Amino acid sequence: KRHTIVLIQFAQAKESRSYIDYDSVPLALDGVCQLYEQSLKVMNPGIKSISYDISDLFAYIDGLGDLCCLCFNPANNSYIPHNKEWIKARVFQHLKAQVQQ
């Protein structure tokens, strides 16, 4: 369990910056997926059930103004930054593990 802060910029405007903190990396990865799912609901208010695949999620991540994770490293009491590519790789592994359960 490593405290993780997701820094997100929804559009090119710097005013769209925000952050969300999570108790662990897996919870942060779920949070990124939930952000995408919420945006789908906003864009498609009349549809009750929406499905998507990993390429749709990756396109959403790539389309964000910015996205990174700061993961706590207890060894030196600091946060390690990770970029969109790291997040996409971890999201893929995380979702794959959920499917295999």
C-alpha atoms as a PDB file:
ATOM      1  CA  LYS A   1       0.000   0.000   0.000  1.00  0.00           C
ATOM      2  CA  ARG A   2       1.611   3.183  -1.209  1.00  0.00           C
ATOM      3  CA  HIS A   3      -0.193   6.494  -0.978  1.00  0.00           C
ATOM      4  CA  THR A   4      -0.699   7.766  -4.532  1.00  0.00           C
ATOM      5  CA  ILE A   5      -1.664  11.209  -5.810  1.00  0.00           C
ATOM      6  CA  VAL A   6      -3.149  11.496  -9.291  1.00  0.00           C
ATOM      7  CA  LEU A   7      -2.473  14.885 -10.873  1.00  0.00           C
ATOM      8  CA  ILE A   8      -4.821  15.563 -13.772  1.00  0.00           C
ATOM      9  CA  GLN A   9      -5.340  18.373 -16.225  1.00  0.00           C
ATOM     10  CA  PHE A  10      -8.604  17.764 -18.064  1.00  0.00           C
ATOM     11  CA  ALA A  11      -7.985  20.240 -20.913  1.00  0.00           C
ATOM     12  CA  GLN A  12      -5.210  22.471 -22.215  1.00  0.00           C
ATOM     13  CA  ALA A  13      -6.328  25.253 -19.844  1.00  0.00           C
ATOM     14  CA  LYS A  14      -4.259  25.265 -16.670  1.00  0.00           C
ATOM     15  CA  GLU A  15      -7.431  26.094 -14.724  1.00  0.00           C
ATOM     16  CA  SER A  16      -8.624  22.523 -15.399  1.00  0.00           C
ATOM     17  CA  ARG A  17      -5.909  21.080 -13.151  1.00  0.00           C
ATOM     18  CA  SER A  18      -6.928  18.974 -10.186  1.00  0.00           C
ATOM     19  CA  TYR A  19      -5.655  16.164  -7.999  1.00  0.00           C
ATOM     20  CA  ILE A  20      -7.090  13.118  -6.265  1.00  0.00           C
ATOM     21  CA  ASP A  21      -5.298  11.112  -3.616  1.00  0.00           C
ATOM     22  CA  TYR A  22      -5.655   7.388  -3.003  1.00  0.00           C
ATOM     23  CA  ASP A  23      -4.427   4.952  -0.368  1.00  0.00           C
ATOM     24  CA  SER A  24      -2.754   2.674  -2.929  1.00  0.00           C
ATOM     25  CA  VAL A  25      -1.652   2.389  -6.547  1.00  0.00           C
ATOM     26  CA  PRO A  26      -4.453  -0.085  -7.471  1.00  0.00           C
ATOM     27  CA  LEU A  27      -7.078   2.319  -6.070  1.00  0.00           C
ATOM     28  CA  ALA A  28      -5.544   5.157  -8.099  1.00  0.00           C
ATOM     29  CA  LEU A  29      -5.684   3.019 -11.258  1.00  0.00           C
ATOM     30  CA  ASP A  30      -9.360   2.282 -10.551  1.00  0.00           C
ATOM     31  CA  GLY A  31      -9.820   6.019 -10.076  1.00  0.00           C
ATOM     32  CA  VAL A  32      -8.393   6.796 -13.521  1.00  0.00           C
ATOM     33  CA  CYS A  33     -10.826   4.276 -15.051  1.00  0.00           C
ATOM     34  CA  GLN A  34     -13.693   5.833 -13.086  1.00  0.00           C
ATOM     35  CA  LEU A  35     -12.801   9.306 -14.391  1.00  0.00           C
ATOM     36  CA  TYR A  36     -13.140   7.958 -17.931  1.00  0.00           C
ATOM     37  CA  GLU A  37     -16.422   6.215 -17.103  1.00  0.00           C
ATOM     38  CA  GLN A  38     -17.799   9.447 -15.609  1.00  0.00           C
ATOM     39  CA  SER A  39     -16.858  11.356 -18.755  1.00  0.00           C
ATOM     40  CA  LEU A  40     -18.660   8.716 -20.843  1.00  0.00           C
ATOM     41  CA  LYS A  41     -21.794   9.162 -18.724  1.00  0.00           C
ATOM     42  CA  VAL A  42     -21.650  12.940 -19.153  1.00  0.00           C
ATOM     43  CA  MET A  43     -21.214  12.634 -22.932  1.00  0.00           C
ATOM     44  CA  ASN A  44     -23.961   9.977 -23.225  1.00  0.00           C
ATOM     45  CA  PRO A  45     -26.609  10.883 -20.610  1.00  0.00           C
ATOM     46  CA  GLY A  46     -29.399   8.804 -22.187  1.00  0.00           C
ATOM     47  CA  ILE A  47     -27.488   5.518 -22.320  1.00  0.00           C
ATOM     48  CA  LYS A  48     -27.820   3.272 -19.255  1.00  0.00           C
ATOM     49  CA  SER A  49     -24.997   0.828 -20.032  1.00  0.00           C
ATOM     50  CA  ILE A  50     -21.801   1.838 -21.787  1.00  0.00           C
ATOM     51  CA  SER A  51     -18.983  -0.509 -22.685  1.00  0.00           C
ATOM     52  CA  TYR A  52     -15.472   0.383 -23.792  1.00  0.00           C
ATOM     53  CA  ASP A  53     -12.185  -1.323 -24.465  1.00  0.00           C
ATOM     54  CA  ILE A  54      -8.625  -0.544 -23.456  1.00  0.00           C
ATOM     55  CA  SER A  55      -7.906   1.450 -26.633  1.00  0.00           C
ATOM     56  CA  ASP A  56     -10.809   3.814 -25.775  1.00  0.00           C
ATOM     57  CA  LEU A  57      -9.413   4.302 -22.269  1.00  0.00           C
ATOM     58  CA  PHE A  58      -5.909   4.922 -23.636  1.00  0.00           C
ATOM     59  CA  ALA A  59      -7.281   7.480 -26.130  1.00  0.00           C
ATOM     60  CA  TYR A  60      -8.962   9.271 -23.207  1.00  0.00           C
ATOM     61  CA  ILE A  61      -5.696   9.289 -21.234  1.00  0.00           C
ATOM     62  CA  ASP A  62      -3.745  10.534 -24.262  1.00  0.00           C
ATOM     63  CA  GLY A  63      -6.340  13.260 -24.844  1.00  0.00           C
ATOM     64  CA  LEU A  64      -6.014  14.723 -21.359  1.00  0.00           C
ATOM     65  CA  GLY A  65      -4.036  17.939 -20.991  1.00  0.00           C
ATOM     66  CA  ASP A  66      -1.800  16.114 -18.503  1.00  0.00           C
ATOM     67  CA  LEU A  67      -1.906  13.103 -16.215  1.00  0.00           C
ATOM     68  CA  CYS A  68       0.662  11.764 -13.792  1.00  0.00           C
ATOM     69  CA  CYS A  69       0.863   9.767 -10.581  1.00  0.00           C
ATOM     70  CA  LEU A  70       2.990  10.513  -7.565  1.00  0.00           C
ATOM     71  CA  CYS A  71       3.586   7.245  -5.690  1.00  0.00           C
ATOM     72  CA  PHE A  72       4.958   7.309  -2.162  1.00  0.00           C
ATOM     73  CA  ASN A  73       8.316   5.618  -1.693  1.00  0.00           C
ATOM     74  CA  PRO A  74       8.749   4.735   1.991  1.00  0.00           C
ATOM     75  CA  ALA A  75      12.443   3.877   1.502  1.00  0.00           C
ATOM     76  CA  ASN A  76      13.372   7.543   1.183  1.00  0.00           C
ATOM     77  CA  ASN A  77      10.132   9.186   2.362  1.00  0.00           C
ATOM     78  CA  SER A  78       9.410  10.844  -0.988  1.00  0.00           C
ATOM     79  CA  TYR A  79       7.050  10.623  -3.957  1.00  0.00           C
ATOM     80  CA  ILE A  80       8.114   9.170  -7.305  1.00  0.00           C
ATOM     81  CA  PRO A  81       6.471  10.753 -10.379  1.00  0.00           C
ATOM     82  CA  HIS A  82       5.126   8.549 -13.176  1.00  0.00           C
ATOM     83  CA  ASN A  83       3.895   9.695 -16.603  1.00  0.00           C
ATOM     84  CA  LYS A  84       0.965   8.727 -18.854  1.00  0.00           C
ATOM     85  CA  GLU A  85       2.833   5.784 -20.395  1.00  0.00           C
ATOM     86  CA  TRP A  86       3.525   4.304 -16.949  1.00  0.00           C
ATOM     87  CA  ILE A  87      -0.124   4.809 -15.985  1.00  0.00           C
ATOM     88  CA  LYS A  88      -1.370   3.135 -19.187  1.00  0.00           C
ATOM     89  CA  ALA A  89       0.945   0.139 -18.647  1.00  0.00           C
ATOM     90  CA  ARG A  90      -0.186  -0.236 -15.018  1.00  0.00           C
ATOM     91  CA  VAL A  91      -3.878   0.204 -15.894  1.00  0.00           C
ATOM     92  CA  PHE A  92      -3.521  -2.531 -18.521  1.00  0.00           C
ATOM     93  CA  GLN A  93      -1.859  -4.905 -16.018  1.00  0.00           C
ATOM     94  CA  HIS A  94      -4.424  -3.997 -13.345  1.00  0.00           C
ATOM     95  CA  LEU A  95      -7.464  -4.634 -15.588  1.00  0.00           C
ATOM     96  CA  LYS A  96      -5.906  -7.830 -16.959  1.00  0.00           C
ATOM     97  CA  ALA A  97      -5.419  -9.119 -13.406  1.00  0.00           C
ATOM     98  CA  GLN A  98      -9.061  -8.311 -12.570  1.00  0.00           C
ATOM     99  CA  VAL A  99     -10.308 -10.240 -15.606  1.00  0.00           C
ATOM    100  CA  GLN A 100      -8.197 -13.272 -14.698  1.00  0.00           C
ATOM    101  CA  GLN A 101      -9.587 -13.463 -11.145  1.00  0.00           C
END
